[in-house]
Amino acid sequence: MKKKPQRTCIGCNVQKDKNDFVRIVKSKEGNITIDKTGKASGRGAYICHNVDCFNKAKKNKKIEIGMKLPADLVFDPTPAVWKVRY
């Protein structure tokens, strides 16, 4: 049996199978998107499928750290795509 890749949630630091997470990707253009396929190119971070983990990651600036973004990041309000503004 093939071993499933493990990833760690940036919100709660729980390690699970890669398929149990949502992948957030920063493209070369600076757009942050939700990667539904898990294969999009760019810098990626994994987060659980719940709002609590997202809020914890946002509060502790783990999204910015995982994406190697500046601390003064502003999210665009569109739910599926966040644009980085410096």
N, C-alpha and C. Protein backbone atom coordinates (compact mmCIF):
# COMPACT_ATOMS: atom_id res chain seq x y z
N MET A 1 0.84 -1.18 0.00
CA MET A 1 0.00 0.00 0.00
C MET A 1 0.88 1.25 0.00
N LYS A 2 0.50 2.21 -0.84
CA LYS A 2 1.27 3.44 -0.95
C LYS A 2 1.02 4.34 0.26
N LYS A 3 2.09 4.92 0.78
CA LYS A 3 2.00 5.79 1.93
C LYS A 3 1.46 7.17 1.51
N LYS A 4 0.49 7.69 2.27
CA LYS A 4 -0.10 8.99 1.95
C LYS A 4 0.78 10.11 2.52
N PRO A 5 0.97 11.18 1.74
CA PRO A 5 1.78 12.29 2.24
C PRO A 5 1.12 13.00 3.41
N GLN A 6 1.91 13.37 4.39
CA GLN A 6 1.42 14.06 5.58
C GLN A 6 1.77 15.54 5.50
N ARG A 7 0.86 16.38 5.99
CA ARG A 7 1.08 17.82 6.06
C ARG A 7 0.62 18.30 7.44
N THR A 8 1.04 19.51 7.81
CA THR A 8 0.69 20.09 9.10
C THR A 8 -0.14 21.35 8.89
N CYS A 9 -1.22 21.48 9.64
CA CYS A 9 -2.09 22.65 9.58
C CYS A 9 -1.36 23.86 10.17
N ILE A 10 -1.42 25.00 9.48
CA ILE A 10 -0.76 26.20 9.98
C ILE A 10 -1.54 26.85 11.11
N GLY A 11 -2.80 26.42 11.31
CA GLY A 11 -3.61 26.99 12.38
C GLY A 11 -3.46 26.25 13.70
N CYS A 12 -3.60 24.91 13.65
CA CYS A 12 -3.62 24.12 14.89
C CYS A 12 -2.40 23.21 15.05
N ASN A 13 -1.52 23.16 14.06
CA ASN A 13 -0.32 22.32 14.07
C ASN A 13 -0.60 20.82 14.18
N VAL A 14 -1.76 20.39 13.73
CA VAL A 14 -2.09 18.96 13.71
C VAL A 14 -1.64 18.38 12.37
N GLN A 15 -1.01 17.22 12.42
CA GLN A 15 -0.52 16.57 11.21
C GLN A 15 -1.54 15.54 10.76
N LYS A 16 -1.92 15.61 9.47
CA LYS A 16 -2.90 14.69 8.87
C LYS A 16 -2.49 14.38 7.45
N ASP A 17 -3.30 13.55 6.78
CA ASP A 17 -3.09 13.28 5.36
C ASP A 17 -3.27 14.56 4.56
N LYS A 18 -2.52 14.69 3.49
CA LYS A 18 -2.56 15.88 2.64
C LYS A 18 -3.98 16.19 2.15
N ASN A 19 -4.75 15.16 1.85
CA ASN A 19 -6.10 15.33 1.30
C ASN A 19 -7.10 15.85 2.33
N ASP A 20 -6.75 15.85 3.60
CA ASP A 20 -7.66 16.34 4.65
C ASP A 20 -7.57 17.83 4.85
N PHE A 21 -6.75 18.52 4.08
CA PHE A 21 -6.53 19.95 4.24
C PHE A 21 -6.98 20.75 3.03
N VAL A 22 -7.10 22.05 3.24
CA VAL A 22 -7.26 23.01 2.16
C VAL A 22 -5.89 23.61 1.93
N ARG A 23 -5.49 23.73 0.68
CA ARG A 23 -4.18 24.31 0.36
C ARG A 23 -4.36 25.75 -0.09
N ILE A 24 -3.59 26.63 0.51
CA ILE A 24 -3.57 28.03 0.14
C ILE A 24 -2.27 28.27 -0.61
N VAL A 25 -2.35 28.90 -1.79
CA VAL A 25 -1.17 29.07 -2.64
C VAL A 25 -0.96 30.53 -3.00
N LYS A 26 0.30 30.96 -2.95
CA LYS A 26 0.68 32.29 -3.43
C LYS A 26 1.34 32.12 -4.78
N SER A 27 0.76 32.74 -5.81
CA SER A 27 1.31 32.64 -7.16
C SER A 27 2.46 33.62 -7.33
N LYS A 28 3.13 33.53 -8.46
CA LYS A 28 4.24 34.43 -8.76
C LYS A 28 3.77 35.88 -8.87
N GLU A 29 2.50 36.07 -9.25
CA GLU A 29 1.94 37.41 -9.39
C GLU A 29 1.58 38.03 -8.04
N GLY A 30 1.60 37.23 -6.97
CA GLY A 30 1.27 37.73 -5.64
C GLY A 30 -0.15 37.47 -5.21
N ASN A 31 -0.94 36.76 -6.04
CA ASN A 31 -2.31 36.42 -5.67
C ASN A 31 -2.32 35.20 -4.76
N ILE A 32 -3.16 35.24 -3.76
CA ILE A 32 -3.32 34.10 -2.86
C ILE A 32 -4.66 33.46 -3.19
N THR A 33 -4.63 32.18 -3.54
CA THR A 33 -5.84 31.47 -3.93
C THR A 33 -5.97 30.16 -3.16
N ILE A 34 -7.18 29.62 -3.20
CA ILE A 34 -7.44 28.30 -2.64
C ILE A 34 -7.16 27.29 -3.76
N ASP A 35 -6.30 26.33 -3.49
CA ASP A 35 -5.94 25.32 -4.48
C ASP A 35 -6.75 24.06 -4.21
N LYS A 36 -7.77 23.83 -5.04
CA LYS A 36 -8.65 22.67 -4.85
C LYS A 36 -8.01 21.38 -5.34
N THR A 37 -7.06 21.48 -6.28
CA THR A 37 -6.44 20.28 -6.83
C THR A 37 -5.22 19.83 -6.03
N GLY A 38 -4.57 20.75 -5.33
CA GLY A 38 -3.36 20.43 -4.60
C GLY A 38 -2.13 20.40 -5.49
N LYS A 39 -2.28 20.86 -6.74
CA LYS A 39 -1.17 20.79 -7.69
C LYS A 39 -0.77 22.14 -8.28
N ALA A 40 -1.38 23.21 -7.83
CA ALA A 40 -1.06 24.53 -8.37
C ALA A 40 0.36 24.91 -8.02
N SER A 41 1.02 25.60 -8.95
CA SER A 41 2.40 26.00 -8.68
C SER A 41 2.41 27.25 -7.82
N GLY A 42 3.42 27.36 -7.01
CA GLY A 42 3.56 28.50 -6.11
C GLY A 42 3.84 28.05 -4.69
N ARG A 43 3.99 29.01 -3.82
CA ARG A 43 4.26 28.74 -2.40
C ARG A 43 2.96 28.33 -1.72
N GLY A 44 2.94 27.19 -1.06
CA GLY A 44 1.71 26.68 -0.48
C GLY A 44 1.77 26.48 1.02
N ALA A 45 0.58 26.53 1.63
CA ALA A 45 0.42 26.24 3.05
C ALA A 45 -0.88 25.47 3.21
N TYR A 46 -0.96 24.65 4.24
CA TYR A 46 -2.13 23.80 4.45
C TYR A 46 -2.86 24.21 5.71
N ILE A 47 -4.21 24.14 5.63
CA ILE A 47 -5.04 24.51 6.77
C ILE A 47 -6.25 23.58 6.82
N CYS A 48 -6.73 23.28 8.04
CA CYS A 48 -7.89 22.41 8.22
C CYS A 48 -9.14 23.03 7.59
N HIS A 49 -10.17 22.21 7.43
CA HIS A 49 -11.43 22.64 6.82
C HIS A 49 -12.35 23.34 7.81
N ASN A 50 -11.86 24.01 8.83
CA ASN A 50 -12.76 24.69 9.75
C ASN A 50 -12.33 26.14 9.97
N VAL A 51 -13.30 26.94 10.35
CA VAL A 51 -13.09 28.38 10.51
C VAL A 51 -12.18 28.68 11.69
N ASP A 52 -12.24 27.87 12.74
CA ASP A 52 -11.40 28.11 13.91
C ASP A 52 -9.92 28.07 13.56
N CYS A 53 -9.51 27.11 12.76
CA CYS A 53 -8.10 27.03 12.35
C CYS A 53 -7.71 28.22 11.50
N PHE A 54 -8.61 28.64 10.59
CA PHE A 54 -8.32 29.81 9.76
C PHE A 54 -8.16 31.05 10.62
N ASN A 55 -9.08 31.25 11.57
CA ASN A 55 -9.00 32.42 12.45
C ASN A 55 -7.74 32.40 13.31
N LYS A 56 -7.37 31.22 13.79
CA LYS A 56 -6.15 31.11 14.60
C LYS A 56 -4.91 31.41 13.76
N ALA A 57 -4.88 30.89 12.53
CA ALA A 57 -3.75 31.14 11.63
C ALA A 57 -3.66 32.62 11.28
N LYS A 58 -4.80 33.25 11.05
CA LYS A 58 -4.82 34.67 10.71
C LYS A 58 -4.40 35.52 11.91
N LYS A 59 -4.88 35.16 13.11
CA LYS A 59 -4.55 35.90 14.33
C LYS A 59 -3.05 35.83 14.62
N ASN A 60 -2.46 34.66 14.46
CA ASN A 60 -1.04 34.46 14.75
C ASN A 60 -0.13 34.76 13.56
N LYS A 61 -0.72 35.30 12.48
CA LYS A 61 0.02 35.68 11.27
C LYS A 61 0.73 34.49 10.61
N LYS A 62 0.17 33.29 10.78
CA LYS A 62 0.77 32.09 10.18
C LYS A 62 0.61 32.06 8.67
N ILE A 63 -0.46 32.68 8.15
CA ILE A 63 -0.65 32.73 6.70
C ILE A 63 0.45 33.58 6.09
N GLU A 64 0.70 34.73 6.68
CA GLU A 64 1.75 35.62 6.18
C GLU A 64 3.12 34.96 6.26
N ILE A 65 3.38 34.26 7.37
CA ILE A 65 4.65 33.58 7.56
C ILE A 65 4.79 32.43 6.55
N GLY A 66 3.73 31.63 6.40
CA GLY A 66 3.77 30.50 5.47
C GLY A 66 3.93 30.92 4.02
N MET A 67 3.38 32.07 3.68
CA MET A 67 3.47 32.57 2.31
C MET A 67 4.67 33.50 2.12
N LYS A 68 5.43 33.73 3.19
CA LYS A 68 6.57 34.66 3.16
C LYS A 68 6.13 36.04 2.67
N LEU A 69 5.12 36.57 3.34
CA LEU A 69 4.57 37.87 3.02
C LEU A 69 4.93 38.88 4.09
N PRO A 70 4.83 40.17 3.77
CA PRO A 70 5.09 41.19 4.79
C PRO A 70 4.01 41.18 5.87
N ALA A 71 4.33 41.66 7.03
CA ALA A 71 3.41 41.64 8.17
C ALA A 71 2.22 42.56 7.97
N ASP A 72 2.32 43.58 7.13
CA ASP A 72 1.22 44.51 6.94
C ASP A 72 0.32 44.10 5.76
N LEU A 73 0.12 42.81 5.57
CA LEU A 73 -0.70 42.27 4.51
C LEU A 73 -2.16 42.66 4.71
N VAL A 74 -2.84 42.99 3.60
CA VAL A 74 -4.27 43.29 3.63
C VAL A 74 -4.96 42.31 2.69
N PHE A 75 -6.01 41.63 3.17
CA PHE A 75 -6.74 40.69 2.33
C PHE A 75 -7.87 41.40 1.60
N ASP A 76 -8.05 41.07 0.33
CA ASP A 76 -9.20 41.52 -0.43
C ASP A 76 -10.40 40.72 0.10
N PRO A 77 -11.57 41.30 0.22
CA PRO A 77 -12.70 40.59 0.82
C PRO A 77 -13.27 39.44 0.02
N THR A 78 -12.90 39.27 -1.25
CA THR A 78 -13.42 38.14 -2.01
C THR A 78 -13.03 36.82 -1.36
N PRO A 79 -13.97 35.92 -1.15
CA PRO A 79 -13.69 34.71 -0.38
C PRO A 79 -12.71 33.72 -1.01
N ALA A 80 -12.74 33.56 -2.33
CA ALA A 80 -11.90 32.54 -2.95
C ALA A 80 -10.51 33.05 -3.33
N VAL A 81 -10.37 34.34 -3.53
CA VAL A 81 -9.08 34.88 -3.96
C VAL A 81 -8.73 36.08 -3.09
N TRP A 82 -7.55 36.07 -2.52
CA TRP A 82 -7.05 37.21 -1.77
C TRP A 82 -5.91 37.81 -2.55
N LYS A 83 -5.93 39.10 -2.72
CA LYS A 83 -4.85 39.77 -3.43
C LYS A 83 -3.95 40.46 -2.41
N VAL A 84 -2.68 40.33 -2.63
CA VAL A 84 -1.71 40.91 -1.71
C VAL A 84 -1.51 42.36 -2.08
N ARG A 85 -1.65 43.23 -1.08
CA ARG A 85 -1.38 44.65 -1.28
C ARG A 85 -0.31 45.06 -0.31
N TYR A 86 0.72 45.72 -0.81
CA TYR A 86 1.82 46.14 0.06
C TYR A 86 1.68 47.59 0.40
